[in-house]
Every structure is written in C-alpha cells, then in structure tokens.
Amino acid sequence: LLVSVREHVDAGGGGVSLADAAVVVSGGRGVGSAE
C-alpha cells in the first residue's frame, strides 16, 4: 500500500470525454497558435 492514488484531479473543460467521444476533431502544429 506504499504506492497508491491519493487524489483525482478533474481535467476541467467539461464537454465530451476524449476517450469516449464518437467524433474527435484534433489540431496539430499546422493550426498555428492556441487562439
């Protein structure tokens, strides 16, 4: 029991879960910026 998960931190943002989504739209370096 020395190594264990002590806390779960919500990634935030809400919306659709990336792992469970039926559709995913991703951007790469070509998007150009965060904005």
All heavy atoms as atom14 arrays in JSON, in Angstrom:
{
  "sequence": "LLVSVREHVDAGGGGVSLADAAVVVSGGRGVGSAE",
  "atom14_mask": [
    [1, 1, 1, 1, 1, 1, 1, 1, 0, 0, 0, 0, 0, 0],
    [1, 1, 1, 1, 1, 1, 1, 1, 0, 0, 0, 0, 0, 0],
    [1, 1, 1, 1, 1, 1, 1, 0, 0, 0, 0, 0, 0, 0],
    [1, 1, 1, 1, 1, 1, 0, 0, 0, 0, 0, 0, 0, 0],
    [1, 1, 1, 1, 1, 1, 1, 0, 0, 0, 0, 0, 0, 0],
    [1, 1, 1, 1, 1, 1, 1, 1, 1, 1, 1, 0, 0, 0],
    [1, 1, 1, 1, 1, 1, 1, 1, 1, 0, 0, 0, 0, 0],
    [1, 1, 1, 1, 1, 1, 1, 1, 1, 1, 0, 0, 0, 0],
    [1, 1, 1, 1, 1, 1, 1, 0, 0, 0, 0, 0, 0, 0],
    [1, 1, 1, 1, 1, 1, 1, 1, 0, 0, 0, 0, 0, 0],
    [1, 1, 1, 1, 1, 0, 0, 0, 0, 0, 0, 0, 0, 0],
    [1, 1, 1, 1, 0, 0, 0, 0, 0, 0, 0, 0, 0, 0],
    [1, 1, 1, 1, 0, 0, 0, 0, 0, 0, 0, 0, 0, 0],
    [1, 1, 1, 1, 0, 0, 0, 0, 0, 0, 0, 0, 0, 0],
    [1, 1, 1, 1, 0, 0, 0, 0, 0, 0, 0, 0, 0, 0],
    [1, 1, 1, 1, 1, 1, 1, 0, 0, 0, 0, 0, 0, 0],
    [1, 1, 1, 1, 1, 1, 0, 0, 0, 0, 0, 0, 0, 0],
    [1, 1, 1, 1, 1, 1, 1, 1, 0, 0, 0, 0, 0, 0],
    [1, 1, 1, 1, 1, 0, 0, 0, 0, 0, 0, 0, 0, 0],
    [1, 1, 1, 1, 1, 1, 1, 1, 0, 0, 0, 0, 0, 0],
    [1, 1, 1, 1, 1, 0, 0, 0, 0, 0, 0, 0, 0, 0],
    [1, 1, 1, 1, 1, 0, 0, 0, 0, 0, 0, 0, 0, 0],
    [1, 1, 1, 1, 1, 1, 1, 0, 0, 0, 0, 0, 0, 0],
    [1, 1, 1, 1, 1, 1, 1, 0, 0, 0, 0, 0, 0, 0],
    [1, 1, 1, 1, 1, 1, 1, 0, 0, 0, 0, 0, 0, 0],
    [1, 1, 1, 1, 1, 1, 0, 0, 0, 0, 0, 0, 0, 0],
    [1, 1, 1, 1, 0, 0, 0, 0, 0, 0, 0, 0, 0, 0],
    [1, 1, 1, 1, 0, 0, 0, 0, 0, 0, 0, 0, 0, 0],
    [1, 1, 1, 1, 1, 1, 1, 1, 1, 1, 1, 0, 0, 0],
    [1, 1, 1, 1, 0, 0, 0, 0, 0, 0, 0, 0, 0, 0],
    [1, 1, 1, 1, 1, 1, 1, 0, 0, 0, 0, 0, 0, 0],
    [1, 1, 1, 1, 0, 0, 0, 0, 0, 0, 0, 0, 0, 0],
    [1, 1, 1, 1, 1, 1, 0, 0, 0, 0, 0, 0, 0, 0],
    [1, 1, 1, 1, 1, 0, 0, 0, 0, 0, 0, 0, 0, 0],
    [1, 1, 1, 1, 1, 1, 1, 1, 1, 0, 0, 0, 0, 0]
  ],
  "atom14_positions": [
    [[0.82, -1.22, 0.0], [0.0, 0.0, 0.0], [0.85, 1.26, 0.0], [0.33, 2.37, 0.15], [-0.93, 0.0, 1.22], [-1.95, -1.14, 1.26], [-2.68, -1.14, 2.59], [-2.93, -1.03, 0.11], [0.0, 0.0, 0.0], [0.0, 0.0, 0.0], [0.0, 0.0, 0.0], [0.0, 0.0, 0.0], [0.0, 0.0, 0.0], [0.0, 0.0, 0.0]],
    [[2.16, 1.09, -0.22], [3.06, 2.24, -0.19], [2.78, 3.19, -1.35], [2.79, 4.41, -1.2], [4.51, 1.76, -0.23], [5.59, 2.84, -0.11], [5.48, 3.54, 1.24], [6.98, 2.22, -0.27], [0.0, 0.0, 0.0], [0.0, 0.0, 0.0], [0.0, 0.0, 0.0], [0.0, 0.0, 0.0], [0.0, 0.0, 0.0], [0.0, 0.0, 0.0]],
    [[2.52, 2.62, -2.54], [2.21, 3.43, -3.72], [0.71, 3.33, -3.99], [0.19, 2.23, -4.18], [3.0, 2.94, -4.95], [2.59, 3.72, -6.19], [4.5, 3.06, -4.71], [0.0, 0.0, 0.0], [0.0, 0.0, 0.0], [0.0, 0.0, 0.0], [0.0, 0.0, 0.0], [0.0, 0.0, 0.0], [0.0, 0.0, 0.0], [0.0, 0.0, 0.0]],
    [[0.03, 4.44, -4.0], [-1.4, 4.44, -4.26], [-1.84, 5.8, -4.77], [-1.15, 6.81, -4.57], [-2.2, 4.06, -3.01], [-2.05, 5.05, -2.01], [0.0, 0.0, 0.0], [0.0, 0.0, 0.0], [0.0, 0.0, 0.0], [0.0, 0.0, 0.0], [0.0, 0.0, 0.0], [0.0, 0.0, 0.0], [0.0, 0.0, 0.0], [0.0, 0.0, 0.0]],
    [[-2.97, 5.81, -5.42], [-3.55, 7.07, -5.89], [-4.21, 7.77, -4.71], [-5.06, 7.2, -4.03], [-4.59, 6.81, -7.01], [-5.29, 8.11, -7.39], [-3.91, 6.19, -8.23], [0.0, 0.0, 0.0], [0.0, 0.0, 0.0], [0.0, 0.0, 0.0], [0.0, 0.0, 0.0], [0.0, 0.0, 0.0], [0.0, 0.0, 0.0], [0.0, 0.0, 0.0]],
    [[-3.82, 9.0, -4.47], [-4.35, 9.75, -3.33], [-5.4, 10.77, -3.74], [-6.22, 11.19, -2.92], [-3.21, 10.48, -2.6], [-2.17, 9.55, -2.01], [-2.78, 8.57, -1.02], [-1.76, 7.75, -0.37], [-2.03, 6.68, 0.35], [-3.29, 6.29, 0.5], [-1.07, 5.98, 0.9], [0.0, 0.0, 0.0], [0.0, 0.0, 0.0], [0.0, 0.0, 0.0]],
    [[-5.38, 11.18, -5.01], [-6.29, 12.24, -5.41], [-6.54, 12.16, -6.91], [-5.64, 11.82, -7.68], [-5.7, 13.61, -5.06], [-6.6, 14.78, -5.41], [-5.94, 16.12, -5.08], [-4.75, 16.11, -4.68], [-6.6, 17.16, -5.23], [0.0, 0.0, 0.0], [0.0, 0.0, 0.0], [0.0, 0.0, 0.0], [0.0, 0.0, 0.0], [0.0, 0.0, 0.0]],
    [[-7.77, 12.43, -7.31], [-8.12, 12.55, -8.71], [-8.4, 14.01, -9.01], [-9.23, 14.63, -8.33], [-9.35, 11.71, -9.05], [-9.11, 10.23, -8.99], [-8.59, 9.51, -10.05], [-9.29, 9.34, -7.99], [-8.47, 8.24, -9.71], [-8.89, 8.11, -8.46], [0.0, 0.0, 0.0], [0.0, 0.0, 0.0], [0.0, 0.0, 0.0], [0.0, 0.0, 0.0]],
    [[-7.71, 14.56, -10.0], [-7.9, 15.96, -10.36], [-8.66, 16.03, -11.67], [-8.24, 15.46, -12.68], [-6.54, 16.68, -10.51], [-6.74, 18.13, -10.92], [-5.76, 16.6, -9.21], [0.0, 0.0, 0.0], [0.0, 0.0, 0.0], [0.0, 0.0, 0.0], [0.0, 0.0, 0.0], [0.0, 0.0, 0.0], [0.0, 0.0, 0.0], [0.0, 0.0, 0.0]],
    [[-9.79, 16.71, -11.64], [-10.62, 16.86, -12.84], [-9.86, 17.69, -13.87], [-9.33, 18.77, -13.55], [-11.94, 17.55, -12.47], [-12.94, 17.56, -13.62], [-12.57, 17.15, -14.74], [-14.09, 17.98, -13.39], [0.0, 0.0, 0.0], [0.0, 0.0, 0.0], [0.0, 0.0, 0.0], [0.0, 0.0, 0.0], [0.0, 0.0, 0.0], [0.0, 0.0, 0.0]],
    [[-9.79, 17.17, -15.1], [-9.1, 17.9, -16.16], [-9.81, 19.2, -16.49], [-9.23, 20.11, -17.08], [-9.0, 17.03, -17.42], [0.0, 0.0, 0.0], [0.0, 0.0, 0.0], [0.0, 0.0, 0.0], [0.0, 0.0, 0.0], [0.0, 0.0, 0.0], [0.0, 0.0, 0.0], [0.0, 0.0, 0.0], [0.0, 0.0, 0.0], [0.0, 0.0, 0.0]],
    [[-11.09, 19.29, -16.13], [-11.83, 20.53, -16.38], [-12.26, 20.64, -17.83], [-12.0, 19.78, -18.67], [0.0, 0.0, 0.0], [0.0, 0.0, 0.0], [0.0, 0.0, 0.0], [0.0, 0.0, 0.0], [0.0, 0.0, 0.0], [0.0, 0.0, 0.0], [0.0, 0.0, 0.0], [0.0, 0.0, 0.0], [0.0, 0.0, 0.0], [0.0, 0.0, 0.0]],
    [[-12.91, 21.72, -18.13], [-13.31, 21.98, -19.51], [-14.68, 21.42, -19.84], [-15.35, 21.88, -20.76], [0.0, 0.0, 0.0], [0.0, 0.0, 0.0], [0.0, 0.0, 0.0], [0.0, 0.0, 0.0], [0.0, 0.0, 0.0], [0.0, 0.0, 0.0], [0.0, 0.0, 0.0], [0.0, 0.0, 0.0], [0.0, 0.0, 0.0], [0.0, 0.0, 0.0]],
    [[-15.14, 20.4, -19.09], [-16.46, 19.83, -19.36], [-16.53, 19.25, -20.76], [-15.53, 18.88, -21.36], [0.0, 0.0, 0.0], [0.0, 0.0, 0.0], [0.0, 0.0, 0.0], [0.0, 0.0, 0.0], [0.0, 0.0, 0.0], [0.0, 0.0, 0.0], [0.0, 0.0, 0.0], [0.0, 0.0, 0.0], [0.0, 0.0, 0.0], [0.0, 0.0, 0.0]],
    [[-17.73, 19.2, -21.31], [-17.9, 18.72, -22.68], [-17.75, 17.23, -22.8], [-17.89, 16.47, -21.84], [0.0, 0.0, 0.0], [0.0, 0.0, 0.0], [0.0, 0.0, 0.0], [0.0, 0.0, 0.0], [0.0, 0.0, 0.0], [0.0, 0.0, 0.0], [0.0, 0.0, 0.0], [0.0, 0.0, 0.0], [0.0, 0.0, 0.0], [0.0, 0.0, 0.0]],
    [[-17.41, 16.79, -24.02], [-17.35, 15.38, -24.35], [-15.99, 14.81, -23.97], [-14.95, 15.42, -24.23], [-17.6, 15.18, -25.86], [-17.62, 13.7, -26.21], [-18.9, 15.85, -26.27], [0.0, 0.0, 0.0], [0.0, 0.0, 0.0], [0.0, 0.0, 0.0], [0.0, 0.0, 0.0], [0.0, 0.0, 0.0], [0.0, 0.0, 0.0], [0.0, 0.0, 0.0]],
    [[-15.98, 13.64, -23.35], [-14.73, 12.98, -22.98], [-14.0, 12.52, -24.23], [-14.59, 11.91, -25.13], [-15.02, 11.78, -22.08], [-13.89, 10.95, -21.97], [0.0, 0.0, 0.0], [0.0, 0.0, 0.0], [0.0, 0.0, 0.0], [0.0, 0.0, 0.0], [0.0, 0.0, 0.0], [0.0, 0.0, 0.0], [0.0, 0.0, 0.0], [0.0, 0.0, 0.0]],
    [[-12.7, 12.8, -24.29], [-11.89, 12.43, -25.45], [-11.89, 10.93, -25.66], [-12.02, 10.45, -26.8], [-10.47, 12.94, -25.26], [-9.5, 12.82, -26.44], [-10.01, 13.61, -27.63], [-8.11, 13.31, -26.04], [0.0, 0.0, 0.0], [0.0, 0.0, 0.0], [0.0, 0.0, 0.0], [0.0, 0.0, 0.0], [0.0, 0.0, 0.0], [0.0, 0.0, 0.0]],
    [[-11.77, 10.15, -24.6], [-11.69, 8.69, -24.72], [-13.01, 8.07, -25.16], [-13.01, 7.01, -25.79], [-11.24, 8.09, -23.4], [0.0, 0.0, 0.0], [0.0, 0.0, 0.0], [0.0, 0.0, 0.0], [0.0, 0.0, 0.0], [0.0, 0.0, 0.0], [0.0, 0.0, 0.0], [0.0, 0.0, 0.0], [0.0, 0.0, 0.0], [0.0, 0.0, 0.0]],
    [[-14.13, 8.71, -24.84], [-15.44, 8.11, -25.1], [-16.18, 8.74, -26.28], [-17.25, 8.27, -26.66], [-16.32, 8.23, -23.86], [-15.72, 7.53, -22.65], [-15.04, 6.51, -22.86], [-15.91, 8.01, -21.52], [0.0, 0.0, 0.0], [0.0, 0.0, 0.0], [0.0, 0.0, 0.0], [0.0, 0.0, 0.0], [0.0, 0.0, 0.0], [0.0, 0.0, 0.0]],
    [[-15.65, 9.8, -26.85], [-16.36, 10.55, -27.88], [-16.56, 9.73, -29.16], [-15.68, 8.99, -29.59], [-15.6, 11.83, -28.22], [0.0, 0.0, 0.0], [0.0, 0.0, 0.0], [0.0, 0.0, 0.0], [0.0, 0.0, 0.0], [0.0, 0.0, 0.0], [0.0, 0.0, 0.0], [0.0, 0.0, 0.0], [0.0, 0.0, 0.0], [0.0, 0.0, 0.0]],
    [[-17.72, 9.89, -29.78], [-17.99, 9.23, -31.06], [-17.31, 9.96, -32.21], [-17.03, 9.38, -33.26], [-19.5, 9.17, -31.3], [0.0, 0.0, 0.0], [0.0, 0.0, 0.0], [0.0, 0.0, 0.0], [0.0, 0.0, 0.0], [0.0, 0.0, 0.0], [0.0, 0.0, 0.0], [0.0, 0.0, 0.0], [0.0, 0.0, 0.0], [0.0, 0.0, 0.0]],
    [[-17.05, 11.25, -32.02], [-16.35, 12.06, -33.02], [-15.28, 12.87, -32.3], [-15.54, 13.43, -31.24], [-17.31, 13.01, -33.77], [-16.55, 13.83, -34.82], [-18.45, 12.24, -34.42], [0.0, 0.0, 0.0], [0.0, 0.0, 0.0], [0.0, 0.0, 0.0], [0.0, 0.0, 0.0], [0.0, 0.0, 0.0], [0.0, 0.0, 0.0], [0.0, 0.0, 0.0]],
    [[-14.09, 12.92, -32.87], [-13.0, 13.72, -32.31], [-12.42, 14.58, -33.42], [-12.12, 14.09, -34.52], [-11.88, 12.84, -31.71], [-10.71, 13.7, -31.24], [-12.41, 12.0, -30.55], [0.0, 0.0, 0.0], [0.0, 0.0, 0.0], [0.0, 0.0, 0.0], [0.0, 0.0, 0.0], [0.0, 0.0, 0.0], [0.0, 0.0, 0.0], [0.0, 0.0, 0.0]],
    [[-12.28, 15.87, -33.15], [-11.63, 16.81, -34.07], [-10.35, 17.27, -33.4], [-10.38, 17.84, -32.31], [-12.52, 18.02, -34.38], [-11.84, 18.92, -35.42], [-13.89, 17.57, -34.89], [0.0, 0.0, 0.0], [0.0, 0.0, 0.0], [0.0, 0.0, 0.0], [0.0, 0.0, 0.0], [0.0, 0.0, 0.0], [0.0, 0.0, 0.0], [0.0, 0.0, 0.0]],
    [[-9.2, 17.01, -34.04], [-7.91, 17.35, -33.45], [-7.16, 18.36, -34.3], [-7.3, 18.39, -35.52], [-7.03, 16.1, -33.29], [-7.45, 15.3, -32.22], [0.0, 0.0, 0.0], [0.0, 0.0, 0.0], [0.0, 0.0, 0.0], [0.0, 0.0, 0.0], [0.0, 0.0, 0.0], [0.0, 0.0, 0.0], [0.0, 0.0, 0.0], [0.0, 0.0, 0.0]],
    [[-6.35, 19.15, -33.64], [-5.48, 20.09, -34.33], [-4.03, 19.81, -34.03], [-3.68, 19.37, -32.92], [0.0, 0.0, 0.0], [0.0, 0.0, 0.0], [0.0, 0.0, 0.0], [0.0, 0.0, 0.0], [0.0, 0.0, 0.0], [0.0, 0.0, 0.0], [0.0, 0.0, 0.0], [0.0, 0.0, 0.0], [0.0, 0.0, 0.0], [0.0, 0.0, 0.0]],
    [[-3.18, 20.09, -35.0], [-1.75, 19.9, -34.82], [-0.98, 21.2, -34.93], [-1.56, 22.3, -34.85], [0.0, 0.0, 0.0], [0.0, 0.0, 0.0], [0.0, 0.0, 0.0], [0.0, 0.0, 0.0], [0.0, 0.0, 0.0], [0.0, 0.0, 0.0], [0.0, 0.0, 0.0], [0.0, 0.0, 0.0], [0.0, 0.0, 0.0], [0.0, 0.0, 0.0]],
    [[0.31, 21.09, -35.16], [1.16, 22.26, -35.28], [0.65, 23.21, -36.37], [0.81, 24.43, -36.3], [2.59, 21.84, -35.58], [3.62, 22.94, -35.41], [4.94, 22.54, -36.04], [5.42, 21.26, -35.56], [6.19, 21.12, -34.48], [6.51, 22.18, -33.77], [6.61, 19.93, -34.11], [0.0, 0.0, 0.0], [0.0, 0.0, 0.0], [0.0, 0.0, 0.0]],
    [[0.02, 22.63, -37.39], [-0.47, 23.42, -38.5], [-1.57, 24.4, -38.15], [-1.87, 25.31, -38.92], [0.0, 0.0, 0.0], [0.0, 0.0, 0.0], [0.0, 0.0, 0.0], [0.0, 0.0, 0.0], [0.0, 0.0, 0.0], [0.0, 0.0, 0.0], [0.0, 0.0, 0.0], [0.0, 0.0, 0.0], [0.0, 0.0, 0.0], [0.0, 0.0, 0.0]],
    [[-2.18, 24.26, -36.96], [-3.2, 25.21, -36.54], [-2.58, 26.58, -36.32], [-3.19, 27.61, -36.6], [-3.92, 24.71, -35.26], [-4.88, 25.76, -34.73], [-4.66, 23.41, -35.55], [0.0, 0.0, 0.0], [0.0, 0.0, 0.0], [0.0, 0.0, 0.0], [0.0, 0.0, 0.0], [0.0, 0.0, 0.0], [0.0, 0.0, 0.0], [0.0, 0.0, 0.0]],
    [[-1.36, 26.6, -35.79], [-0.61, 27.84, -35.73], [-0.5, 28.5, -34.38], [0.53, 29.1, -34.06], [0.0, 0.0, 0.0], [0.0, 0.0, 0.0], [0.0, 0.0, 0.0], [0.0, 0.0, 0.0], [0.0, 0.0, 0.0], [0.0, 0.0, 0.0], [0.0, 0.0, 0.0], [0.0, 0.0, 0.0], [0.0, 0.0, 0.0], [0.0, 0.0, 0.0]],
    [[-1.53, 28.42, -33.55], [-1.49, 29.05, -32.24], [-2.64, 28.56, -31.39], [-3.58, 27.93, -31.9], [-1.58, 30.58, -32.36], [-2.87, 30.96, -32.83], [0.0, 0.0, 0.0], [0.0, 0.0, 0.0], [0.0, 0.0, 0.0], [0.0, 0.0, 0.0], [0.0, 0.0, 0.0], [0.0, 0.0, 0.0], [0.0, 0.0, 0.0], [0.0, 0.0, 0.0]],
    [[-2.59, 28.88, -30.09], [-3.68, 28.5, -29.21], [-4.98, 29.19, -29.61], [-6.06, 28.59, -29.6], [-3.32, 28.85, -27.76], [0.0, 0.0, 0.0], [0.0, 0.0, 0.0], [0.0, 0.0, 0.0], [0.0, 0.0, 0.0], [0.0, 0.0, 0.0], [0.0, 0.0, 0.0], [0.0, 0.0, 0.0], [0.0, 0.0, 0.0], [0.0, 0.0, 0.0]],
    [[-4.87, 30.46, -29.99], [-6.06, 31.22, -30.38], [-6.69, 30.66, -31.65], [-7.91, 30.67, -31.81], [-5.7, 32.69, -30.56], [-5.27, 33.42, -29.31], [-3.86, 33.03, -28.84], [-3.08, 32.53, -29.67], [-3.58, 33.2, -27.64], [0.0, 0.0, 0.0], [0.0, 0.0, 0.0], [0.0, 0.0, 0.0], [0.0, 0.0, 0.0], [0.0, 0.0, 0.0]]
  ]
}
